[in-house]
Amino acid sequence: MDRDEAPAIDVTVIVDVANVMGSRPDGWWRDRAAGAARVMDGLPALVGRVVDGPDGAALRIARVIAVIEGAAKAAASVPGIDVVRAPHDGDGAIVDTANALGGTGSEPAERVLVVTADRGLRTRLGDHVLIAGPGWLNALLGR
């Protein structure tokens, strides 16, 4: 999945940690904060990497934002990524974050890629947002 040729499109990756965490049966349900930490621990290594996006285009991961909710909010912050602790629901925090980064004009202020399999969440994201499923991120993380 890594790519060496340029040019790549810079993207901010927003991770629906609960959704990615739930995509692998590693016991996350016994300790949601530990499960979130396992997902987030690998995210800093992605910053700066050029990878194939979900549509095959070359993407350079410029920034990673992990959104955590509920009991997972007890997970420690991870140097190298931004952590959003959703005040209510994670989906709402993801939509708000993606919209804030994407801007309101026809040309997005920042390219955003949201990692989630949640169909309801996907329908709430604007057209300027790229979407990838947990399998895409799990492959990058080797999990």
N, C-alpha and C. Protein backbone atom coordinates (compact mmCIF):
# COMPACT_ATOMS: atom_id res chain seq x y z
N MET A 1 0.80 -1.20 0.00
CA MET A 1 0.00 0.00 0.00
C MET A 1 0.84 1.26 0.00
N ASP A 2 2.05 1.21 0.49
CA ASP A 2 2.89 2.39 0.48
C ASP A 2 3.25 2.74 -0.95
N ARG A 3 3.39 4.03 -1.20
CA ARG A 3 3.74 4.50 -2.53
C ARG A 3 4.93 5.42 -2.43
N ASP A 4 5.80 5.36 -3.42
CA ASP A 4 6.98 6.21 -3.43
C ASP A 4 6.86 7.35 -4.44
N GLU A 5 6.05 7.18 -5.47
CA GLU A 5 5.97 8.20 -6.48
C GLU A 5 5.13 9.38 -6.00
N ALA A 6 5.44 10.57 -6.54
CA ALA A 6 4.72 11.78 -6.17
C ALA A 6 3.95 12.24 -7.40
N PRO A 7 3.06 13.13 -7.36
CA PRO A 7 2.65 13.85 -6.16
C PRO A 7 1.53 13.12 -5.44
N ALA A 8 1.50 13.29 -4.18
CA ALA A 8 0.45 12.71 -3.36
C ALA A 8 -0.40 13.84 -2.80
N ILE A 9 -1.63 13.54 -2.53
CA ILE A 9 -2.56 14.51 -1.95
C ILE A 9 -2.42 14.43 -0.43
N ASP A 10 -2.18 15.57 0.22
CA ASP A 10 -2.12 15.60 1.68
C ASP A 10 -3.53 15.44 2.25
N VAL A 11 -3.66 14.56 3.24
CA VAL A 11 -4.95 14.35 3.89
C VAL A 11 -4.78 14.32 5.41
N THR A 12 -5.83 14.74 6.06
CA THR A 12 -5.97 14.54 7.49
C THR A 12 -6.88 13.33 7.65
N VAL A 13 -6.41 12.34 8.39
CA VAL A 13 -7.19 11.12 8.60
C VAL A 13 -7.87 11.22 9.97
N ILE A 14 -9.19 11.10 9.96
CA ILE A 14 -9.97 11.08 11.19
C ILE A 14 -10.41 9.63 11.41
N VAL A 15 -10.04 9.09 12.56
CA VAL A 15 -10.30 7.68 12.84
C VAL A 15 -11.46 7.53 13.82
N ASP A 16 -12.48 6.80 13.42
CA ASP A 16 -13.57 6.39 14.30
C ASP A 16 -13.01 5.21 15.09
N VAL A 17 -12.38 5.52 16.22
CA VAL A 17 -11.65 4.49 16.96
C VAL A 17 -12.57 3.36 17.41
N ALA A 18 -13.78 3.67 17.86
CA ALA A 18 -14.70 2.62 18.30
C ALA A 18 -15.00 1.65 17.17
N ASN A 19 -15.16 2.19 15.97
CA ASN A 19 -15.49 1.35 14.83
C ASN A 19 -14.30 0.49 14.41
N VAL A 20 -13.11 1.07 14.38
CA VAL A 20 -11.91 0.32 14.02
C VAL A 20 -11.62 -0.72 15.10
N MET A 21 -11.75 -0.31 16.36
CA MET A 21 -11.51 -1.22 17.49
C MET A 21 -12.44 -2.44 17.39
N GLY A 22 -13.69 -2.19 17.05
CA GLY A 22 -14.67 -3.26 16.97
C GLY A 22 -14.49 -4.18 15.78
N SER A 23 -13.61 -3.81 14.85
CA SER A 23 -13.43 -4.63 13.66
C SER A 23 -12.51 -5.83 13.89
N ARG A 24 -11.89 -5.89 15.07
CA ARG A 24 -11.00 -7.02 15.40
C ARG A 24 -11.36 -7.54 16.78
N PRO A 25 -11.67 -8.83 16.90
CA PRO A 25 -12.06 -9.40 18.20
C PRO A 25 -10.84 -9.68 19.09
N ASP A 26 -10.26 -8.61 19.62
CA ASP A 26 -9.05 -8.77 20.44
C ASP A 26 -9.31 -8.58 21.94
N GLY A 27 -10.57 -8.65 22.34
CA GLY A 27 -10.92 -8.49 23.75
C GLY A 27 -11.19 -7.05 24.15
N TRP A 28 -11.34 -6.16 23.19
CA TRP A 28 -11.57 -4.74 23.48
C TRP A 28 -12.78 -4.51 24.37
N TRP A 29 -13.78 -5.40 24.33
CA TRP A 29 -15.01 -5.22 25.09
C TRP A 29 -14.78 -5.37 26.59
N ARG A 30 -13.70 -6.01 26.99
CA ARG A 30 -13.40 -6.14 28.41
C ARG A 30 -12.79 -4.87 29.00
N ASP A 31 -12.11 -4.10 28.14
CA ASP A 31 -11.46 -2.85 28.58
C ASP A 31 -11.39 -1.94 27.37
N ARG A 32 -12.39 -1.09 27.24
CA ARG A 32 -12.50 -0.25 26.04
C ARG A 32 -11.35 0.77 25.94
N ALA A 33 -10.88 1.28 27.08
CA ALA A 33 -9.76 2.22 27.04
C ALA A 33 -8.50 1.53 26.53
N ALA A 34 -8.25 0.31 26.96
CA ALA A 34 -7.08 -0.44 26.48
C ALA A 34 -7.23 -0.78 25.00
N GLY A 35 -8.44 -1.12 24.58
CA GLY A 35 -8.68 -1.40 23.17
C GLY A 35 -8.43 -0.18 22.31
N ALA A 36 -8.90 0.98 22.78
CA ALA A 36 -8.65 2.22 22.04
C ALA A 36 -7.16 2.52 21.99
N ALA A 37 -6.46 2.29 23.09
CA ALA A 37 -5.02 2.54 23.14
C ALA A 37 -4.29 1.66 22.13
N ARG A 38 -4.73 0.40 21.98
CA ARG A 38 -4.08 -0.49 21.01
C ARG A 38 -4.22 0.05 19.59
N VAL A 39 -5.38 0.58 19.27
CA VAL A 39 -5.58 1.17 17.94
C VAL A 39 -4.72 2.42 17.79
N MET A 40 -4.78 3.30 18.79
CA MET A 40 -4.11 4.59 18.68
C MET A 40 -2.59 4.48 18.71
N ASP A 41 -2.05 3.47 19.36
CA ASP A 41 -0.60 3.33 19.47
C ASP A 41 0.10 3.25 18.11
N GLY A 42 -0.55 2.68 17.12
CA GLY A 42 0.07 2.56 15.80
C GLY A 42 -0.11 3.77 14.90
N LEU A 43 -0.98 4.69 15.29
CA LEU A 43 -1.31 5.81 14.40
C LEU A 43 -0.17 6.80 14.16
N PRO A 44 0.67 7.12 15.15
CA PRO A 44 1.74 8.10 14.87
C PRO A 44 2.67 7.68 13.73
N ALA A 45 2.89 6.40 13.55
CA ALA A 45 3.78 5.92 12.48
C ALA A 45 3.22 6.18 11.09
N LEU A 46 1.94 6.49 11.01
CA LEU A 46 1.32 6.75 9.71
C LEU A 46 1.58 8.17 9.22
N VAL A 47 1.83 9.09 10.14
CA VAL A 47 2.01 10.49 9.77
C VAL A 47 3.24 10.64 8.88
N GLY A 48 3.02 11.23 7.72
CA GLY A 48 4.08 11.43 6.74
C GLY A 48 4.17 10.34 5.69
N ARG A 49 3.50 9.21 5.91
CA ARG A 49 3.54 8.11 4.93
C ARG A 49 2.70 8.43 3.71
N VAL A 50 3.18 7.98 2.57
CA VAL A 50 2.40 8.06 1.34
C VAL A 50 1.85 6.66 1.09
N VAL A 51 0.53 6.59 0.97
CA VAL A 51 -0.15 5.30 0.85
C VAL A 51 -1.18 5.37 -0.27
N ASP A 52 -1.65 4.21 -0.69
CA ASP A 52 -2.78 4.15 -1.61
C ASP A 52 -4.04 4.47 -0.82
N GLY A 53 -4.81 5.43 -1.30
CA GLY A 53 -6.09 5.74 -0.68
C GLY A 53 -7.11 4.68 -1.02
N PRO A 54 -8.29 4.79 -0.47
CA PRO A 54 -9.32 3.78 -0.75
C PRO A 54 -9.70 3.72 -2.23
N ASP A 55 -9.46 4.81 -2.96
CA ASP A 55 -9.77 4.83 -4.39
C ASP A 55 -8.53 4.59 -5.25
N GLY A 56 -7.38 4.30 -4.60
CA GLY A 56 -6.15 4.03 -5.32
C GLY A 56 -5.25 5.23 -5.53
N ALA A 57 -5.75 6.44 -5.23
CA ALA A 57 -4.94 7.65 -5.39
C ALA A 57 -3.86 7.70 -4.31
N ALA A 58 -2.73 8.31 -4.63
CA ALA A 58 -1.66 8.45 -3.66
C ALA A 58 -2.02 9.52 -2.64
N LEU A 59 -1.96 9.16 -1.39
CA LEU A 59 -2.27 10.08 -0.29
C LEU A 59 -1.08 10.17 0.65
N ARG A 60 -0.76 11.39 1.08
CA ARG A 60 0.23 11.57 2.13
C ARG A 60 -0.52 11.91 3.40
N ILE A 61 -0.36 11.08 4.41
CA ILE A 61 -1.07 11.31 5.68
C ILE A 61 -0.34 12.41 6.42
N ALA A 62 -0.93 13.59 6.39
CA ALA A 62 -0.32 14.77 6.99
C ALA A 62 -0.60 14.87 8.49
N ARG A 63 -1.73 14.31 8.89
CA ARG A 63 -2.17 14.44 10.28
C ARG A 63 -3.17 13.33 10.56
N VAL A 64 -3.19 12.86 11.82
CA VAL A 64 -4.17 11.86 12.23
C VAL A 64 -4.90 12.38 13.46
N ILE A 65 -6.23 12.27 13.42
CA ILE A 65 -7.08 12.63 14.54
C ILE A 65 -7.86 11.39 14.93
N ALA A 66 -7.73 10.98 16.19
CA ALA A 66 -8.46 9.82 16.71
C ALA A 66 -9.63 10.33 17.54
N VAL A 67 -10.83 9.87 17.22
CA VAL A 67 -12.02 10.25 17.99
C VAL A 67 -12.42 9.07 18.86
N ILE A 68 -12.44 9.33 20.18
CA ILE A 68 -12.83 8.29 21.13
C ILE A 68 -14.04 8.75 21.92
N GLU A 69 -14.80 7.78 22.38
CA GLU A 69 -16.07 8.07 23.06
C GLU A 69 -16.29 7.10 24.21
N GLY A 70 -17.24 7.43 25.07
CA GLY A 70 -17.62 6.54 26.15
C GLY A 70 -16.46 6.15 27.04
N ALA A 71 -16.43 4.89 27.45
CA ALA A 71 -15.39 4.39 28.35
C ALA A 71 -14.00 4.47 27.73
N ALA A 72 -13.92 4.51 26.41
CA ALA A 72 -12.62 4.60 25.73
C ALA A 72 -11.95 5.95 25.95
N LYS A 73 -12.72 6.95 26.39
CA LYS A 73 -12.14 8.28 26.62
C LYS A 73 -11.09 8.26 27.73
N ALA A 74 -11.03 7.19 28.51
CA ALA A 74 -10.02 7.07 29.56
C ALA A 74 -8.64 6.72 29.00
N ALA A 75 -8.57 6.40 27.71
CA ALA A 75 -7.28 6.07 27.08
C ALA A 75 -6.38 7.30 27.11
N ALA A 76 -5.10 7.06 27.34
CA ALA A 76 -4.12 8.14 27.38
C ALA A 76 -3.94 8.74 25.98
N SER A 77 -3.55 10.00 25.95
CA SER A 77 -3.19 10.63 24.68
C SER A 77 -1.95 9.96 24.12
N VAL A 78 -1.78 10.06 22.83
CA VAL A 78 -0.66 9.45 22.14
C VAL A 78 0.12 10.55 21.43
N PRO A 79 1.40 10.71 21.75
CA PRO A 79 2.19 11.73 21.06
C PRO A 79 2.19 11.50 19.56
N GLY A 80 2.04 12.57 18.80
CA GLY A 80 2.07 12.49 17.35
C GLY A 80 0.71 12.47 16.69
N ILE A 81 -0.35 12.30 17.47
CA ILE A 81 -1.71 12.37 16.91
C ILE A 81 -2.56 13.26 17.80
N ASP A 82 -3.63 13.76 17.22
CA ASP A 82 -4.60 14.54 17.99
C ASP A 82 -5.70 13.59 18.44
N VAL A 83 -6.12 13.73 19.69
CA VAL A 83 -7.19 12.90 20.22
C VAL A 83 -8.37 13.80 20.56
N VAL A 84 -9.54 13.46 20.01
CA VAL A 84 -10.78 14.16 20.33
C VAL A 84 -11.58 13.24 21.22
N ARG A 85 -11.86 13.71 22.42
CA ARG A 85 -12.69 12.95 23.37
C ARG A 85 -14.12 13.48 23.20
N ALA A 86 -14.94 12.70 22.52
CA ALA A 86 -16.29 13.14 22.17
C ALA A 86 -17.09 13.47 23.42
N PRO A 87 -17.63 14.69 23.50
CA PRO A 87 -18.41 15.06 24.67
C PRO A 87 -19.74 14.30 24.77
N HIS A 88 -20.26 13.89 23.63
CA HIS A 88 -21.53 13.15 23.60
C HIS A 88 -21.31 11.86 22.81
N ASP A 89 -21.65 11.91 21.53
CA ASP A 89 -21.47 10.72 20.71
C ASP A 89 -20.29 10.91 19.76
N GLY A 90 -19.61 9.83 19.47
CA GLY A 90 -18.45 9.87 18.59
C GLY A 90 -18.79 10.30 17.18
N ASP A 91 -19.93 9.83 16.67
CA ASP A 91 -20.32 10.19 15.30
C ASP A 91 -20.47 11.70 15.15
N GLY A 92 -21.12 12.34 16.10
CA GLY A 92 -21.29 13.79 16.05
C GLY A 92 -19.96 14.51 16.08
N ALA A 93 -19.05 14.03 16.91
CA ALA A 93 -17.72 14.65 16.99
C ALA A 93 -16.95 14.47 15.69
N ILE A 94 -17.11 13.32 15.04
CA ILE A 94 -16.43 13.08 13.76
C ILE A 94 -16.98 14.02 12.70
N VAL A 95 -18.30 14.15 12.61
CA VAL A 95 -18.91 15.04 11.62
C VAL A 95 -18.47 16.48 11.88
N ASP A 96 -18.51 16.92 13.12
CA ASP A 96 -18.10 18.29 13.45
C ASP A 96 -16.65 18.54 13.08
N THR A 97 -15.78 17.58 13.40
CA THR A 97 -14.36 17.72 13.10
C THR A 97 -14.11 17.75 11.60
N ALA A 98 -14.74 16.84 10.87
CA ALA A 98 -14.57 16.80 9.40
C ALA A 98 -15.07 18.08 8.77
N ASN A 99 -16.21 18.59 9.21
CA ASN A 99 -16.76 19.83 8.66
C ASN A 99 -15.89 21.02 8.98
N ALA A 100 -15.35 21.08 10.19
CA ALA A 100 -14.48 22.18 10.57
C ALA A 100 -13.21 22.21 9.73
N LEU A 101 -12.67 21.05 9.44
CA LEU A 101 -11.44 20.96 8.64
C LEU A 101 -11.70 21.18 7.17
N GLY A 102 -12.85 20.73 6.70
CA GLY A 102 -13.14 20.77 5.27
C GLY A 102 -13.53 22.13 4.74
N GLY A 103 -13.92 23.04 5.61
CA GLY A 103 -14.35 24.36 5.16
C GLY A 103 -15.73 24.32 4.55
N THR A 104 -16.16 25.45 4.07
CA THR A 104 -17.52 25.55 3.52
C THR A 104 -17.55 25.88 2.04
N GLY A 105 -16.40 26.19 1.44
CA GLY A 105 -16.36 26.55 0.02
C GLY A 105 -16.40 25.33 -0.88
N SER A 106 -16.36 25.58 -2.19
CA SER A 106 -16.39 24.47 -3.14
C SER A 106 -15.06 23.71 -3.12
N GLU A 107 -13.97 24.40 -2.79
CA GLU A 107 -12.67 23.75 -2.65
C GLU A 107 -12.39 23.58 -1.16
N PRO A 108 -12.23 22.35 -0.68
CA PRO A 108 -12.06 22.14 0.75
C PRO A 108 -10.80 22.82 1.29
N ALA A 109 -10.90 23.31 2.52
CA ALA A 109 -9.76 23.94 3.18
C ALA A 109 -8.67 22.90 3.41
N GLU A 110 -9.08 21.70 3.73
CA GLU A 110 -8.16 20.61 4.02
C GLU A 110 -8.81 19.33 3.51
N ARG A 111 -8.05 18.44 2.89
CA ARG A 111 -8.61 17.16 2.47
C ARG A 111 -8.73 16.27 3.70
N VAL A 112 -9.87 15.65 3.84
CA VAL A 112 -10.17 14.84 5.01
C VAL A 112 -10.56 13.44 4.56
N LEU A 113 -10.04 12.44 5.27
CA LEU A 113 -10.42 11.06 5.06
C LEU A 113 -10.89 10.50 6.39
N VAL A 114 -12.11 10.03 6.45
CA VAL A 114 -12.67 9.44 7.67
C VAL A 114 -12.64 7.92 7.54
N VAL A 115 -12.13 7.27 8.59
CA VAL A 115 -12.07 5.81 8.62
C VAL A 115 -13.22 5.32 9.49
N THR A 116 -14.20 4.69 8.86
CA THR A 116 -15.36 4.12 9.55
C THR A 116 -16.11 3.17 8.62
N ALA A 117 -16.79 2.22 9.21
CA ALA A 117 -17.70 1.36 8.45
C ALA A 117 -19.15 1.72 8.74
N ASP A 118 -19.36 2.70 9.59
CA ASP A 118 -20.70 3.10 10.04
C ASP A 118 -21.44 3.79 8.89
N ARG A 119 -22.43 3.11 8.34
CA ARG A 119 -23.19 3.65 7.20
C ARG A 119 -23.93 4.93 7.55
N GLY A 120 -24.50 4.99 8.74
CA GLY A 120 -25.20 6.20 9.16
C GLY A 120 -24.26 7.39 9.23
N LEU A 121 -23.08 7.17 9.78
CA LEU A 121 -22.08 8.23 9.85
C LEU A 121 -21.65 8.65 8.45
N ARG A 122 -21.43 7.70 7.58
CA ARG A 122 -21.00 8.02 6.22
C ARG A 122 -21.99 8.95 5.52
N THR A 123 -23.29 8.75 5.74
CA THR A 123 -24.29 9.60 5.08
C THR A 123 -24.29 11.01 5.65
N ARG A 124 -23.75 11.21 6.84
CA ARG A 124 -23.72 12.53 7.46
C ARG A 124 -22.50 13.35 7.06
N LEU A 125 -21.55 12.74 6.37
CA LEU A 125 -20.33 13.43 5.98
C LEU A 125 -20.53 14.11 4.63
N GLY A 126 -19.90 15.25 4.46
CA GLY A 126 -20.03 16.01 3.22
C GLY A 126 -19.34 15.34 2.05
N ASP A 127 -19.63 15.84 0.87
CA ASP A 127 -19.04 15.29 -0.36
C ASP A 127 -17.54 15.49 -0.42
N HIS A 128 -17.02 16.47 0.34
CA HIS A 128 -15.59 16.75 0.33
C HIS A 128 -14.78 15.73 1.14
N VAL A 129 -15.46 14.83 1.84
CA VAL A 129 -14.79 13.88 2.73
C VAL A 129 -14.59 12.55 2.01
N LEU A 130 -13.35 12.07 2.00
CA LEU A 130 -13.05 10.72 1.52
C LEU A 130 -13.38 9.75 2.65
N ILE A 131 -13.74 8.53 2.30
CA ILE A 131 -14.12 7.55 3.31
C ILE A 131 -13.39 6.24 3.04
N ALA A 132 -12.89 5.65 4.12
CA ALA A 132 -12.26 4.33 4.04
C ALA A 132 -12.82 3.49 5.17
N GLY A 133 -12.88 2.20 4.96
CA GLY A 133 -13.34 1.28 6.00
C GLY A 133 -12.20 0.90 6.93
N PRO A 134 -12.53 0.27 8.04
CA PRO A 134 -11.51 -0.17 8.99
C PRO A 134 -10.46 -1.09 8.38
N GLY A 135 -10.84 -1.89 7.40
CA GLY A 135 -9.88 -2.79 6.77
C GLY A 135 -8.72 -2.04 6.14
N TRP A 136 -9.00 -0.88 5.56
CA TRP A 136 -7.95 -0.05 4.96
C TRP A 136 -6.93 0.35 6.02
N LEU A 137 -7.43 0.86 7.15
CA LEU A 137 -6.53 1.30 8.22
C LEU A 137 -5.85 0.09 8.88
N ASN A 138 -6.59 -0.99 9.12
CA ASN A 138 -5.99 -2.18 9.73
C ASN A 138 -4.83 -2.71 8.88
N ALA A 139 -4.97 -2.65 7.57
CA ALA A 139 -3.88 -3.10 6.69
C ALA A 139 -2.65 -2.21 6.86
N LEU A 140 -2.86 -0.90 6.96
CA LEU A 140 -1.73 0.02 7.16
C LEU A 140 -1.05 -0.22 8.50
N LEU A 141 -1.86 -0.55 9.51
CA LEU A 141 -1.32 -0.77 10.86
C LEU A 141 -0.79 -2.18 11.06
N GLY A 142 -1.07 -3.06 10.12
CA GLY A 142 -0.64 -4.45 10.28
C GLY A 142 -1.38 -5.18 11.39
N ARG A 143 -2.65 -4.82 11.56
CA ARG A 143 -3.45 -5.51 12.59
C ARG A 143 -4.59 -6.29 11.99
